[in-house]
N, C-alpha and C. Protein backbone atom coordinates (compact mmCIF):
# COMPACT_ATOMS: atom_id res chain seq x y z
N LEU A 1 35.13 -128.31 29.34
CA LEU A 1 36.31 -128.25 30.08
C LEU A 1 35.43 -128.59 31.34
N LEU A 2 36.26 -129.08 32.14
CA LEU A 2 35.96 -129.24 33.76
C LEU A 2 36.82 -128.39 34.65
N ALA A 3 36.21 -127.41 34.85
CA ALA A 3 36.91 -126.13 35.69
C ALA A 3 36.27 -126.26 37.40
N SER A 4 36.08 -125.06 37.62
CA SER A 4 35.75 -125.00 38.95
C SER A 4 35.24 -123.69 39.60
N ALA A 5 35.05 -123.38 40.50
CA ALA A 5 34.07 -122.34 40.89
C ALA A 5 34.52 -121.09 40.76
N CYS A 6 34.27 -120.00 41.65
CA CYS A 6 34.69 -118.70 41.54
C CYS A 6 35.79 -118.14 41.77
N VAL A 7 36.39 -117.10 41.15
CA VAL A 7 37.80 -116.73 41.24
C VAL A 7 37.99 -116.39 42.66
N VAL A 8 39.24 -116.78 43.33
CA VAL A 8 39.36 -116.01 44.61
C VAL A 8 39.71 -114.61 44.24
N SER A 9 39.09 -113.35 45.04
CA SER A 9 39.22 -111.98 44.87
C SER A 9 39.79 -111.69 45.95
N ARG A 10 39.77 -112.04 47.35
CA ARG A 10 40.44 -111.50 48.39
C ARG A 10 41.95 -111.70 48.45
N PRO A 11 42.63 -110.55 48.19
CA PRO A 11 44.04 -110.31 48.42
C PRO A 11 44.76 -111.36 49.60
N ARG A 12 44.13 -111.22 50.53
CA ARG A 12 44.83 -111.94 51.75
C ARG A 12 44.96 -113.70 51.47
N ASP A 13 43.63 -114.33 50.55
CA ASP A 13 43.33 -115.43 50.50
C ASP A 13 44.42 -115.99 49.19
N LEU A 14 44.79 -114.88 48.36
CA LEU A 14 45.96 -115.19 47.30
C LEU A 14 47.18 -115.40 47.78
N LEU A 15 47.51 -114.36 48.93
CA LEU A 15 48.71 -114.69 49.43
C LEU A 15 48.95 -115.76 50.20
N ARG A 16 47.99 -116.34 51.19
CA ARG A 16 47.86 -117.44 51.86
C ARG A 16 47.93 -118.53 50.93
N TRP A 17 47.50 -118.75 49.62
CA TRP A 17 47.80 -119.71 48.83
C TRP A 17 49.16 -119.75 48.17
N ALA A 18 49.56 -118.73 47.78
CA ALA A 18 51.03 -118.22 47.53
C ALA A 18 52.16 -118.75 48.25
N SER A 19 51.84 -118.45 49.52
CA SER A 19 53.08 -118.54 50.41
C SER A 19 53.12 -119.95 51.31
N GLY A 20 51.84 -121.05 50.97
CA GLY A 20 51.70 -122.08 51.34
C GLY A 20 52.53 -123.17 51.21
N THR A 21 52.36 -124.40 51.57
CA THR A 21 53.36 -125.61 51.22
C THR A 21 53.44 -125.86 49.65
N ARG A 22 54.42 -126.05 49.32
CA ARG A 22 54.61 -125.75 47.53
C ARG A 22 53.84 -126.74 46.95
N GLU A 23 53.68 -128.34 48.00
CA GLU A 23 53.15 -129.38 47.63
C GLU A 23 51.51 -129.03 46.57
N PHE A 24 51.02 -127.90 47.60
CA PHE A 24 49.61 -127.79 47.52
C PHE A 24 49.60 -126.87 45.86
N ARG A 25 50.70 -126.54 45.39
CA ARG A 25 50.60 -125.74 44.35
C ARG A 25 51.15 -126.72 42.90
N GLN A 26 51.35 -127.63 43.50
CA GLN A 26 52.13 -128.39 42.12
C GLN A 26 50.93 -129.54 41.54
N VAL A 27 50.85 -129.43 40.43
CA VAL A 27 50.02 -130.20 39.45
C VAL A 27 50.62 -131.65 39.01
N LEU A 28 50.28 -132.75 39.75
CA LEU A 28 50.66 -133.85 39.65
C LEU A 28 50.01 -134.57 38.41
N PRO A 29 50.78 -135.52 37.70
CA PRO A 29 50.13 -136.14 36.43
C PRO A 29 49.31 -137.27 37.11
N VAL A 30 48.32 -137.94 36.49
CA VAL A 30 47.33 -138.61 36.88
C VAL A 30 48.18 -140.37 36.59
N ALA A 31 47.95 -141.36 37.15
CA ALA A 31 48.66 -142.71 36.89
C ALA A 31 47.74 -143.15 35.81
N ARG A 32 48.64 -143.99 34.94
CA ARG A 32 47.74 -144.63 33.99
C ARG A 32 48.01 -146.08 34.03
N ILE A 33 47.07 -146.77 33.60
CA ILE A 33 47.38 -148.09 33.62
C ILE A 33 46.76 -148.67 32.05
N ASN A 34 47.86 -149.70 31.39
CA ASN A 34 47.17 -150.30 29.95
C ASN A 34 46.25 -151.21 30.40
N ALA A 35 44.91 -151.41 30.10
CA ALA A 35 43.80 -152.07 30.53
C ALA A 35 44.22 -153.44 30.03
N SER A 36 44.80 -153.71 29.09
CA SER A 36 44.99 -154.92 28.40
C SER A 36 46.18 -155.79 29.03
N SER A 37 47.13 -155.02 30.08
CA SER A 37 48.13 -155.65 30.74
C SER A 37 47.60 -156.63 31.68
N PRO A 38 48.31 -157.86 31.58
CA PRO A 38 47.65 -159.09 32.55
C PRO A 38 47.79 -158.49 33.80
N ASP A 39 48.47 -157.89 34.54
CA ASP A 39 48.28 -157.29 36.13
C ASP A 39 47.59 -156.00 36.28
N ALA A 40 46.80 -155.54 35.01
CA ALA A 40 45.97 -154.26 35.27
C ALA A 40 45.31 -154.30 36.37
N LEU A 41 44.28 -155.55 36.64
CA LEU A 41 43.19 -155.73 37.70
C LEU A 41 43.92 -155.47 38.74
N LEU A 42 45.07 -156.29 39.10
CA LEU A 42 45.84 -156.31 40.38
C LEU A 42 46.32 -154.92 40.38
N ARG A 43 46.76 -154.25 39.73
CA ARG A 43 47.28 -152.66 40.00
C ARG A 43 46.36 -151.78 40.40
N PHE A 44 45.15 -152.14 39.90
CA PHE A 44 44.08 -151.23 40.06
C PHE A 44 43.91 -151.42 41.79
N PHE A 45 43.36 -152.38 42.08
CA PHE A 45 42.99 -152.73 43.24
C PHE A 45 44.08 -152.68 44.39
N ARG A 46 45.50 -152.70 44.12
CA ARG A 46 46.47 -152.78 44.93
C ARG A 46 46.99 -151.30 45.33
N GLU A 47 46.86 -150.29 44.14
CA GLU A 47 47.47 -149.15 44.05
C GLU A 47 46.36 -148.12 44.16
N HIS A 48 45.07 -148.41 43.45
CA HIS A 48 44.33 -146.99 43.28
C HIS A 48 43.07 -147.45 43.82
N HIS A 49 42.45 -148.30 43.93
CA HIS A 49 40.81 -148.34 44.11
C HIS A 49 40.63 -147.80 45.58
N GLY A 50 40.02 -146.68 45.75
CA GLY A 50 39.58 -146.10 46.64
C GLY A 50 40.63 -145.23 47.47
N LYS A 51 41.56 -144.90 46.60
CA LYS A 51 42.81 -144.19 46.87
C LYS A 51 43.04 -142.80 46.07
N THR A 52 43.61 -143.23 44.81
CA THR A 52 44.03 -142.11 44.13
C THR A 52 43.33 -142.44 42.53
N PRO A 53 43.07 -141.45 41.94
CA PRO A 53 42.36 -141.14 40.52
C PRO A 53 43.47 -141.93 39.36
N VAL A 54 42.87 -142.91 38.42
CA VAL A 54 43.81 -143.60 37.34
C VAL A 54 43.31 -143.38 36.29
N VAL A 55 43.90 -143.46 35.15
CA VAL A 55 43.33 -143.34 33.79
C VAL A 55 43.88 -144.96 33.24
N PHE A 56 42.67 -145.44 32.53
CA PHE A 56 42.67 -146.61 31.83
C PHE A 56 43.05 -146.45 30.47
N GLN A 57 43.89 -146.86 29.93
CA GLN A 57 44.36 -146.55 28.30
C GLN A 57 43.95 -148.02 27.74
N GLY A 58 43.32 -147.72 26.80
CA GLY A 58 42.76 -149.15 25.82
C GLY A 58 41.40 -149.93 26.47
N ALA A 59 40.71 -149.32 27.36
CA ALA A 59 39.73 -149.87 28.31
C ALA A 59 38.54 -150.10 27.26
N MET A 60 38.27 -149.37 26.32
CA MET A 60 37.25 -148.90 25.28
C MET A 60 37.41 -149.87 23.99
N GLU A 61 38.28 -150.46 23.80
CA GLU A 61 38.62 -151.03 22.48
C GLU A 61 37.67 -151.74 21.58
N ALA A 62 36.84 -152.39 22.37
CA ALA A 62 35.64 -153.12 21.89
C ALA A 62 34.55 -152.67 21.96
N TRP A 63 34.36 -151.34 22.56
CA TRP A 63 33.02 -151.00 22.86
C TRP A 63 32.49 -150.28 21.66
N ALA A 64 31.26 -150.59 21.33
CA ALA A 64 30.76 -150.12 20.18
C ALA A 64 30.41 -148.56 20.21
N ALA A 65 30.43 -147.99 21.60
CA ALA A 65 30.18 -146.74 21.64
C ALA A 65 31.18 -145.97 21.01
N ARG A 66 32.54 -146.45 20.74
CA ARG A 66 33.77 -145.69 20.23
C ARG A 66 33.24 -145.05 18.59
N ASP A 67 32.37 -145.87 18.18
CA ASP A 67 31.41 -145.27 16.80
C ASP A 67 30.86 -144.27 16.96
N TRP A 68 30.40 -143.95 18.37
CA TRP A 68 29.51 -142.75 18.31
C TRP A 68 30.16 -141.51 17.48
N THR A 69 28.81 -140.88 16.80
CA THR A 69 29.26 -139.41 16.28
C THR A 69 27.63 -138.70 16.89
N LEU A 70 27.77 -137.17 16.76
CA LEU A 70 26.76 -136.54 16.99
C LEU A 70 25.36 -137.02 16.34
N ALA A 71 26.00 -137.22 15.10
CA ALA A 71 24.33 -137.47 13.82
C ALA A 71 24.03 -138.76 14.52
N ARG A 72 24.98 -139.78 14.72
CA ARG A 72 24.28 -141.08 15.00
C ARG A 72 23.73 -141.07 16.52
N LEU A 73 23.90 -140.31 17.47
CA LEU A 73 23.56 -140.04 18.76
C LEU A 73 22.07 -139.29 18.60
N ALA A 74 22.14 -138.27 17.81
CA ALA A 74 20.63 -137.86 17.24
C ALA A 74 19.84 -138.74 16.76
N GLU A 75 20.40 -139.86 15.80
CA GLU A 75 19.71 -140.79 15.24
C GLU A 75 18.83 -141.88 16.29
N LEU A 76 19.87 -142.32 17.23
CA LEU A 76 19.30 -143.27 18.34
C LEU A 76 18.58 -142.71 19.31
N CYS A 77 18.62 -141.48 19.50
CA CYS A 77 17.95 -141.11 20.57
C CYS A 77 16.88 -139.62 20.31
N PRO A 78 15.98 -139.84 19.48
CA PRO A 78 15.48 -138.76 18.98
C PRO A 78 14.73 -137.80 19.66
N ASP A 79 14.09 -138.68 20.84
CA ASP A 79 13.06 -138.04 21.86
C ASP A 79 13.80 -138.21 22.96
N ALA A 80 15.12 -137.88 23.36
CA ALA A 80 15.78 -138.20 24.62
C ALA A 80 15.87 -136.63 25.21
N GLN A 81 15.32 -136.15 26.37
CA GLN A 81 15.72 -135.11 26.99
C GLN A 81 16.72 -134.74 27.59
N LEU A 82 17.50 -134.03 27.34
CA LEU A 82 18.74 -133.75 28.14
C LEU A 82 18.69 -132.48 29.01
N PRO A 83 19.13 -132.82 30.33
CA PRO A 83 19.10 -131.57 31.25
C PRO A 83 20.40 -130.57 30.96
N VAL A 84 20.24 -129.46 31.01
CA VAL A 84 21.00 -128.61 30.66
C VAL A 84 21.37 -127.57 31.71
N TYR A 85 22.52 -126.59 31.82
CA TYR A 85 22.77 -126.17 32.88
C TYR A 85 23.86 -125.02 32.26
N ARG A 86 23.55 -123.57 32.90
CA ARG A 86 24.60 -122.47 32.80
C ARG A 86 25.64 -122.20 33.63
N TYR A 87 26.69 -122.21 33.50
CA TYR A 87 27.93 -121.82 34.34
C TYR A 87 28.02 -120.53 35.08
N ASP A 88 27.51 -120.68 36.19
CA ASP A 88 27.70 -119.20 36.84
C ASP A 88 28.41 -119.30 38.33
N PRO A 89 29.76 -118.89 38.16
CA PRO A 89 30.55 -118.89 39.22
C PRO A 89 29.98 -118.07 40.70
N SER A 90 29.23 -117.52 40.57
CA SER A 90 28.57 -116.59 41.68
C SER A 90 27.19 -117.49 42.15
N SER A 91 26.83 -118.39 41.61
CA SER A 91 25.66 -118.93 41.87
C SER A 91 26.03 -119.86 43.15
N VAL A 92 25.07 -120.49 44.23
CA VAL A 92 25.16 -121.58 45.45
C VAL A 92 24.76 -122.62 44.86
N SER A 93 24.34 -122.95 43.35
CA SER A 93 23.87 -124.24 42.88
C SER A 93 25.33 -125.08 43.13
N TRP A 94 24.81 -126.60 43.03
CA TRP A 94 25.98 -127.60 43.05
C TRP A 94 26.66 -127.25 41.77
N ALA A 95 28.19 -127.15 41.84
CA ALA A 95 29.38 -126.92 41.00
C ALA A 95 29.36 -125.81 40.04
N GLY A 96 28.34 -124.54 40.57
CA GLY A 96 28.07 -123.44 39.89
C GLY A 96 27.36 -123.53 38.87
N LEU A 97 26.39 -124.52 38.70
CA LEU A 97 25.82 -124.59 37.60
C LEU A 97 24.08 -124.49 37.54
N VAL A 98 23.40 -123.41 37.19
CA VAL A 98 21.96 -122.96 37.12
C VAL A 98 21.34 -123.84 36.25
N ASP A 99 20.44 -124.39 36.41
CA ASP A 99 19.39 -124.96 35.93
C ASP A 99 18.72 -124.44 34.55
N GLY A 100 19.07 -124.90 33.69
CA GLY A 100 18.56 -124.42 32.35
C GLY A 100 17.27 -125.42 31.85
N GLY A 101 16.57 -126.18 32.54
CA GLY A 101 15.84 -126.76 32.01
C GLY A 101 16.17 -127.94 31.15
N GLN A 102 15.50 -128.31 30.24
CA GLN A 102 15.85 -129.50 29.18
C GLN A 102 15.83 -129.11 28.00
N LYS A 103 16.59 -129.55 26.95
CA LYS A 103 16.45 -129.64 25.68
C LYS A 103 16.42 -131.02 24.92
N LEU A 104 15.80 -131.17 23.66
CA LEU A 104 15.97 -132.54 23.11
C LEU A 104 17.34 -132.68 22.83
N LEU A 105 18.01 -133.80 23.10
CA LEU A 105 19.54 -134.13 22.72
C LEU A 105 19.67 -134.08 21.27
N SER A 106 18.78 -134.12 20.46
CA SER A 106 19.03 -134.24 19.06
C SER A 106 19.31 -132.76 18.52
N GLU A 107 18.65 -131.98 19.04
CA GLU A 107 18.60 -130.16 18.73
C GLU A 107 19.94 -129.85 19.58
N TYR A 108 20.05 -130.42 20.74
CA TYR A 108 21.26 -129.76 21.41
C TYR A 108 22.44 -130.14 20.64
N LEU A 109 22.68 -131.42 20.14
CA LEU A 109 23.81 -131.62 19.38
C LEU A 109 23.84 -130.79 18.07
N GLN A 110 22.75 -130.46 17.46
CA GLN A 110 22.74 -129.92 16.08
C GLN A 110 23.09 -128.54 16.04
N GLN A 111 22.53 -127.78 17.12
CA GLN A 111 22.50 -126.31 17.30
C GLN A 111 23.80 -125.83 18.26
N ASP A 112 24.27 -126.67 19.08
CA ASP A 112 25.24 -125.90 20.02
C ASP A 112 26.62 -126.57 19.77
N PHE A 113 26.66 -127.58 18.88
CA PHE A 113 27.86 -127.96 18.56
C PHE A 113 28.43 -127.65 17.36
N GLY A 114 30.02 -127.25 17.37
CA GLY A 114 30.77 -127.30 16.29
C GLY A 114 30.86 -125.59 15.90
N ARG A 115 30.55 -124.84 17.11
CA ARG A 115 30.41 -123.27 16.68
C ARG A 115 31.66 -122.69 17.21
N GLY A 116 32.62 -123.51 17.84
CA GLY A 116 33.79 -122.82 18.39
C GLY A 116 33.42 -122.38 19.62
N GLU A 117 34.13 -121.84 20.43
CA GLU A 117 33.86 -121.44 21.96
C GLU A 117 32.94 -120.43 22.04
N GLN A 118 31.99 -120.26 22.83
CA GLN A 118 30.98 -119.24 22.85
C GLN A 118 30.68 -118.85 24.14
N ALA A 119 30.04 -117.78 24.49
CA ALA A 119 29.75 -117.45 25.88
C ALA A 119 28.18 -118.02 25.98
N ASN A 120 28.40 -118.23 27.22
CA ASN A 120 27.01 -118.77 27.88
C ASN A 120 26.37 -119.78 27.14
N VAL A 121 27.30 -120.67 26.75
CA VAL A 121 26.97 -121.77 26.23
C VAL A 121 26.41 -122.91 27.14
N LEU A 122 25.23 -123.67 26.91
CA LEU A 122 24.54 -124.54 27.96
C LEU A 122 25.54 -125.99 27.72
N TYR A 123 25.50 -126.45 29.06
CA TYR A 123 26.30 -127.72 29.35
C TYR A 123 25.16 -128.85 29.67
N GLY A 124 25.01 -130.01 28.75
CA GLY A 124 24.31 -130.89 28.99
C GLY A 124 25.01 -132.09 29.84
N LEU A 125 24.21 -132.26 30.85
CA LEU A 125 24.76 -132.84 32.14
C LEU A 125 23.63 -134.11 32.53
N GLU A 126 24.53 -135.25 32.74
CA GLU A 126 23.68 -136.29 33.67
C GLU A 126 22.57 -136.60 32.82
N MET A 127 22.32 -137.20 31.34
CA MET A 127 21.26 -137.60 30.89
C MET A 127 20.89 -138.92 31.24
N THR A 128 20.25 -139.62 31.77
CA THR A 128 19.82 -140.67 32.16
C THR A 128 19.67 -142.07 31.03
N LEU A 129 20.51 -142.69 30.89
CA LEU A 129 20.47 -143.59 29.76
C LEU A 129 19.19 -144.19 29.71
N ARG A 130 18.98 -144.94 30.91
CA ARG A 130 18.02 -146.14 31.16
C ARG A 130 16.56 -145.60 30.90
N THR A 131 16.32 -144.26 31.05
CA THR A 131 15.05 -144.02 30.84
C THR A 131 14.81 -143.16 29.37
N GLU A 132 15.95 -142.38 29.35
CA GLU A 132 15.84 -141.38 28.07
C GLU A 132 16.33 -142.25 26.74
N CYS A 133 17.24 -142.94 26.83
CA CYS A 133 17.72 -143.78 25.44
C CYS A 133 18.53 -144.80 25.90
N PRO A 134 17.53 -145.97 26.19
CA PRO A 134 18.06 -147.27 26.57
C PRO A 134 19.02 -148.13 25.48
N ARG A 135 18.69 -147.80 24.26
CA ARG A 135 19.39 -148.30 23.21
C ARG A 135 20.99 -148.17 23.39
N LEU A 136 21.30 -147.04 23.87
CA LEU A 136 22.71 -146.79 24.06
C LEU A 136 23.37 -147.68 24.98
N LEU A 137 22.88 -148.41 25.73
CA LEU A 137 23.25 -149.11 27.09
C LEU A 137 23.81 -150.49 26.12
N GLU A 138 23.51 -150.93 25.15
CA GLU A 138 23.87 -151.96 24.31
C GLU A 138 25.26 -151.53 24.05
N ASP A 139 25.52 -150.17 23.63
CA ASP A 139 27.06 -150.38 23.41
C ASP A 139 28.09 -149.59 24.58
N LEU A 140 27.54 -150.03 25.69
CA LEU A 140 28.34 -149.91 27.06
C LEU A 140 28.51 -151.00 27.82
N PRO A 141 29.41 -151.65 27.24
CA PRO A 141 29.64 -152.76 28.45
C PRO A 141 30.46 -152.39 29.81
N ILE A 142 30.02 -152.81 30.97
CA ILE A 142 30.60 -152.32 32.05
C ILE A 142 32.06 -153.15 32.20
N SER A 143 33.23 -152.07 32.20
CA SER A 143 34.68 -152.82 32.44
C SER A 143 34.74 -153.52 33.66
N ARG A 144 35.51 -154.80 33.52
CA ARG A 144 35.77 -155.37 34.66
C ARG A 144 36.48 -155.00 35.96
N PHE A 145 37.23 -153.59 35.26
CA PHE A 145 37.62 -152.87 36.59
C PHE A 145 36.32 -152.03 37.47
N PHE A 146 35.11 -152.07 37.05
CA PHE A 146 34.25 -151.34 37.72
C PHE A 146 32.84 -152.14 37.85
N ALA A 147 33.22 -153.74 38.08
CA ALA A 147 32.17 -154.72 38.13
C ALA A 147 31.60 -154.89 39.52
N ASP A 148 32.12 -154.02 40.61
CA ASP A 148 31.96 -154.05 41.93
C ASP A 148 31.00 -152.72 42.28
N ASP A 149 30.78 -151.88 41.22
CA ASP A 149 29.87 -150.94 41.33
C ASP A 149 28.57 -151.38 42.12
N MET A 150 28.63 -150.92 43.51
CA MET A 150 27.41 -151.31 44.27
C MET A 150 26.00 -150.69 43.98
N LEU A 151 26.08 -149.27 43.64
CA LEU A 151 25.03 -148.72 43.03
C LEU A 151 24.00 -149.15 41.95
N ALA A 152 25.11 -149.69 41.06
CA ALA A 152 24.70 -150.20 39.83
C ALA A 152 23.97 -151.51 40.06
N ARG A 153 24.73 -152.28 40.88
CA ARG A 153 24.09 -153.98 40.77
C ARG A 153 22.95 -153.97 42.04
N PHE A 154 23.12 -152.90 42.94
CA PHE A 154 21.90 -153.20 44.10
C PHE A 154 21.02 -152.38 44.27
N TYR A 155 21.11 -151.14 43.33
CA TYR A 155 20.20 -150.05 43.38
C TYR A 155 19.69 -149.69 42.33
N PRO A 156 18.58 -150.72 41.95
CA PRO A 156 18.08 -150.36 40.21
C PRO A 156 17.62 -149.29 39.81
N ALA A 157 17.04 -148.41 40.92
CA ALA A 157 16.51 -147.40 40.71
C ALA A 157 17.62 -146.14 40.45
N ASN A 158 18.66 -146.41 40.42
CA ASN A 158 19.88 -145.01 40.25
C ASN A 158 19.57 -144.96 38.72
N SER A 159 20.34 -143.83 38.74
CA SER A 159 20.09 -142.86 37.37
C SER A 159 21.36 -143.20 36.33
N TRP A 160 22.45 -143.93 36.80
CA TRP A 160 23.46 -144.24 35.94
C TRP A 160 23.78 -145.56 35.22
N PRO A 161 24.10 -145.47 34.24
CA PRO A 161 25.13 -144.55 33.59
C PRO A 161 24.17 -143.43 33.05
N THR A 162 25.16 -142.08 32.97
CA THR A 162 24.58 -141.13 32.27
C THR A 162 25.33 -140.59 31.16
N LEU A 163 24.83 -139.82 30.37
CA LEU A 163 25.02 -138.93 29.36
C LEU A 163 25.76 -137.59 29.74
N ILE A 164 27.02 -137.16 29.70
CA ILE A 164 27.39 -135.92 29.79
C ILE A 164 27.95 -135.18 28.36
N ALA A 165 27.21 -133.93 27.99
CA ALA A 165 27.77 -133.60 26.59
C ALA A 165 28.03 -132.08 26.86
N GLY A 166 28.81 -131.45 26.19
CA GLY A 166 29.27 -130.22 26.15
C GLY A 166 30.15 -129.65 24.92
N PRO A 167 29.55 -128.60 24.18
CA PRO A 167 30.69 -128.00 23.38
C PRO A 167 31.95 -127.16 23.99
N ARG A 168 32.47 -126.87 23.09
CA ARG A 168 33.98 -126.22 23.58
C ARG A 168 33.62 -124.88 24.66
N GLY A 169 34.11 -124.83 25.57
CA GLY A 169 33.81 -123.56 26.48
C GLY A 169 33.00 -123.95 27.74
N THR A 170 32.20 -125.18 27.88
CA THR A 170 31.31 -125.45 28.91
C THR A 170 32.08 -125.94 30.15
N ARG A 171 32.00 -125.78 30.99
CA ARG A 171 32.44 -126.15 32.46
C ARG A 171 31.60 -126.44 33.52
N SER A 172 32.20 -126.81 34.74
CA SER A 172 31.48 -126.72 35.91
C SER A 172 32.48 -126.23 36.97
N GLY A 173 32.01 -125.96 38.17
CA GLY A 173 32.77 -125.55 39.16
C GLY A 173 33.33 -126.78 40.05
N LEU A 174 34.44 -126.78 40.61
CA LEU A 174 35.08 -127.39 41.72
C LEU A 174 34.05 -127.95 42.66
N HIS A 175 33.91 -129.34 42.52
CA HIS A 175 32.55 -129.96 43.32
C HIS A 175 33.02 -131.29 43.78
N ARG A 176 32.30 -131.75 45.07
CA ARG A 176 32.25 -133.07 45.44
C ARG A 176 31.08 -133.50 44.91
N ASP A 177 31.01 -135.15 44.51
CA ASP A 177 30.14 -135.83 43.70
C ASP A 177 29.08 -136.43 44.76
N THR A 178 27.65 -137.34 44.20
CA THR A 178 26.67 -137.34 44.86
C THR A 178 27.26 -138.32 46.28
N HIS A 179 26.87 -138.17 47.34
CA HIS A 179 27.22 -138.76 48.39
C HIS A 179 28.78 -138.85 48.81
N ASP A 180 29.77 -137.86 47.79
CA ASP A 180 31.07 -137.80 48.13
C ASP A 180 31.76 -139.31 47.66
N LEU A 181 31.10 -139.90 46.70
CA LEU A 181 31.64 -141.40 46.15
C LEU A 181 32.44 -141.15 44.87
N PRO A 182 33.26 -141.98 44.98
CA PRO A 182 34.05 -142.20 43.58
C PRO A 182 33.18 -142.22 42.59
N PHE A 183 33.81 -142.33 41.00
CA PHE A 183 32.96 -142.55 39.89
C PHE A 183 33.99 -142.85 38.93
N TRP A 184 33.52 -143.55 38.01
CA TRP A 184 34.18 -143.69 36.69
C TRP A 184 33.72 -143.03 35.59
N MET A 185 34.42 -142.47 34.52
CA MET A 185 34.00 -141.88 33.57
C MET A 185 34.62 -142.12 32.07
N ALA A 186 34.01 -142.52 31.00
CA ALA A 186 34.51 -142.88 30.02
C ALA A 186 34.16 -141.65 28.71
N MET A 187 35.35 -141.47 28.07
CA MET A 187 35.54 -140.38 27.10
C MET A 187 35.26 -140.64 25.74
N PHE A 188 34.22 -140.49 24.79
CA PHE A 188 34.05 -141.13 23.67
C PHE A 188 34.56 -139.85 22.50
N LEU A 189 34.23 -138.63 22.81
CA LEU A 189 34.50 -137.69 21.77
C LEU A 189 34.82 -136.47 22.14
N GLY A 190 35.97 -135.75 21.53
CA GLY A 190 36.34 -134.59 22.19
C GLY A 190 37.39 -134.82 23.11
N ARG A 191 37.59 -133.50 23.97
CA ARG A 191 38.06 -133.61 25.28
C ARG A 191 38.01 -133.10 26.37
N LYS A 192 38.31 -133.50 27.60
CA LYS A 192 37.92 -132.96 28.71
C LYS A 192 38.96 -132.82 29.57
N ARG A 193 38.78 -131.57 30.22
CA ARG A 193 40.24 -131.55 31.11
C ARG A 193 39.72 -131.06 32.49
N LEU A 194 40.39 -132.01 33.27
CA LEU A 194 40.21 -132.23 34.92
C LEU A 194 41.06 -131.93 35.57
N ARG A 195 40.84 -131.49 37.03
CA ARG A 195 41.77 -131.03 37.79
C ARG A 195 40.96 -132.02 39.26
N ILE A 196 41.80 -132.62 39.67
CA ILE A 196 41.41 -133.29 40.96
C ILE A 196 42.32 -133.36 42.48
N PHE A 197 41.57 -132.98 43.53
CA PHE A 197 42.12 -132.77 44.71
C PHE A 197 41.81 -134.19 45.67
N ALA A 198 42.71 -134.37 46.42
CA ALA A 198 42.85 -135.23 47.62
C ALA A 198 41.42 -134.68 48.37
N PRO A 199 40.39 -135.42 49.07
CA PRO A 199 39.54 -134.76 49.80
C PRO A 199 40.16 -134.41 51.16
N GLU A 200 41.36 -135.14 51.63
CA GLU A 200 41.63 -134.45 53.20
C GLU A 200 42.87 -133.54 52.99
N ASP A 201 43.17 -132.73 51.71
CA ASP A 201 43.73 -131.72 51.54
C ASP A 201 43.59 -130.63 52.25
N PRO A 202 44.33 -130.29 53.30
CA PRO A 202 43.84 -129.12 54.30
C PRO A 202 43.86 -127.79 53.32
N ALA A 203 44.31 -127.41 52.46
CA ALA A 203 44.69 -126.22 51.74
C ALA A 203 43.11 -126.02 50.88
N LEU A 204 42.28 -127.20 51.00
CA LEU A 204 41.01 -126.78 50.62
C LEU A 204 40.06 -126.40 51.62
N GLU A 205 40.25 -126.47 52.83
CA GLU A 205 39.19 -126.33 53.80
C GLU A 205 38.37 -124.80 53.90
N PRO A 206 39.23 -123.80 53.64
CA PRO A 206 38.95 -122.62 53.80
C PRO A 206 38.14 -122.01 52.87
N TYR A 207 38.14 -123.00 51.59
CA TYR A 207 37.21 -122.53 50.61
C TYR A 207 35.99 -123.48 50.36
N PHE A 208 35.67 -124.19 51.17
CA PHE A 208 34.61 -125.12 51.01
C PHE A 208 33.32 -124.47 51.32
N LEU A 209 32.24 -124.65 50.60
CA LEU A 209 30.88 -124.17 50.79
C LEU A 209 30.16 -125.37 50.78
N SER A 210 29.56 -125.71 51.99
CA SER A 210 28.56 -126.74 52.47
C SER A 210 27.39 -126.77 51.49
N GLU A 211 26.70 -125.40 51.33
CA GLU A 211 25.63 -125.37 50.47
C GLU A 211 25.61 -125.87 49.13
N ARG A 212 26.59 -125.61 48.45
CA ARG A 212 26.79 -126.09 46.88
C ARG A 212 27.93 -127.46 46.96
N ASN A 213 28.30 -127.89 47.85
CA ASN A 213 29.06 -129.21 48.01
C ASN A 213 30.11 -128.98 47.02
N GLY A 214 30.79 -127.63 47.42
CA GLY A 214 31.95 -127.30 46.12
C GLY A 214 33.03 -126.41 46.75
N PHE A 215 33.57 -125.64 46.22
CA PHE A 215 34.70 -124.94 46.55
C PHE A 215 34.38 -123.13 45.66
N GLU A 216 34.97 -122.18 46.72
CA GLU A 216 35.01 -120.82 46.12
C GLU A 216 36.23 -120.54 45.38
N PHE A 217 36.98 -121.35 44.70
CA PHE A 217 37.87 -120.60 43.91
C PHE A 217 38.37 -121.69 42.52
N ASP A 218 38.74 -121.17 41.61
CA ASP A 218 39.06 -121.86 40.28
C ASP A 218 40.24 -122.45 40.29
N ALA A 219 40.15 -123.87 39.98
CA ALA A 219 41.49 -124.85 40.28
C ALA A 219 42.35 -124.38 38.99
N PHE A 220 41.95 -124.04 38.12
CA PHE A 220 42.82 -123.69 36.80
C PHE A 220 43.45 -122.26 36.84
N ARG A 221 42.66 -121.39 37.65
CA ARG A 221 43.32 -120.17 37.97
C ARG A 221 43.37 -119.80 39.13
N PRO A 222 44.09 -120.17 40.11
CA PRO A 222 44.14 -119.81 41.48
C PRO A 222 44.84 -118.69 41.97
């Protein structure tokens, strides 16, 4: 799960949130685009690029990564090191994630997955494929919707694309990403729950913590 920071515990803040503008409390569906539609690219740039989130359906039909399994990833990346983190809503770290060091990806997938929801489970975040397992890049063609990725095209030292892996119960805090840039994410196995806010939403301002580039409330249980 992708959740958010610490629970609001001050009664006045809960009252302010509950009595505020109704739109701030309404969870809206994310727009969806059929990636195979002839006008998909036009719709994306006209309606969503740099504006609002969108889900592309069917964009990965030809990707070899769709055949990944936990065992296959462990086989392809036997020596890959995965950065792991533990979620702590009281932490001042980015997204409430406390550095837990590194684990072999193969061991992490074998030891931490398939055991149901657990307490204090480690979250594997941002393993750089270029250095840790470049073989996986062969299975990840860049979609035409993201061919204008300036970081990937003009900054060869960047870490993307990266691998994120987490068993049931893992989460992060509500946060802003690197340089506050937009990003794209492809989901291959399992499920991930996200909640997204417009950066200019005035209801967020009182809860922003600059030292963690995140927010001090739980977006799933405000």
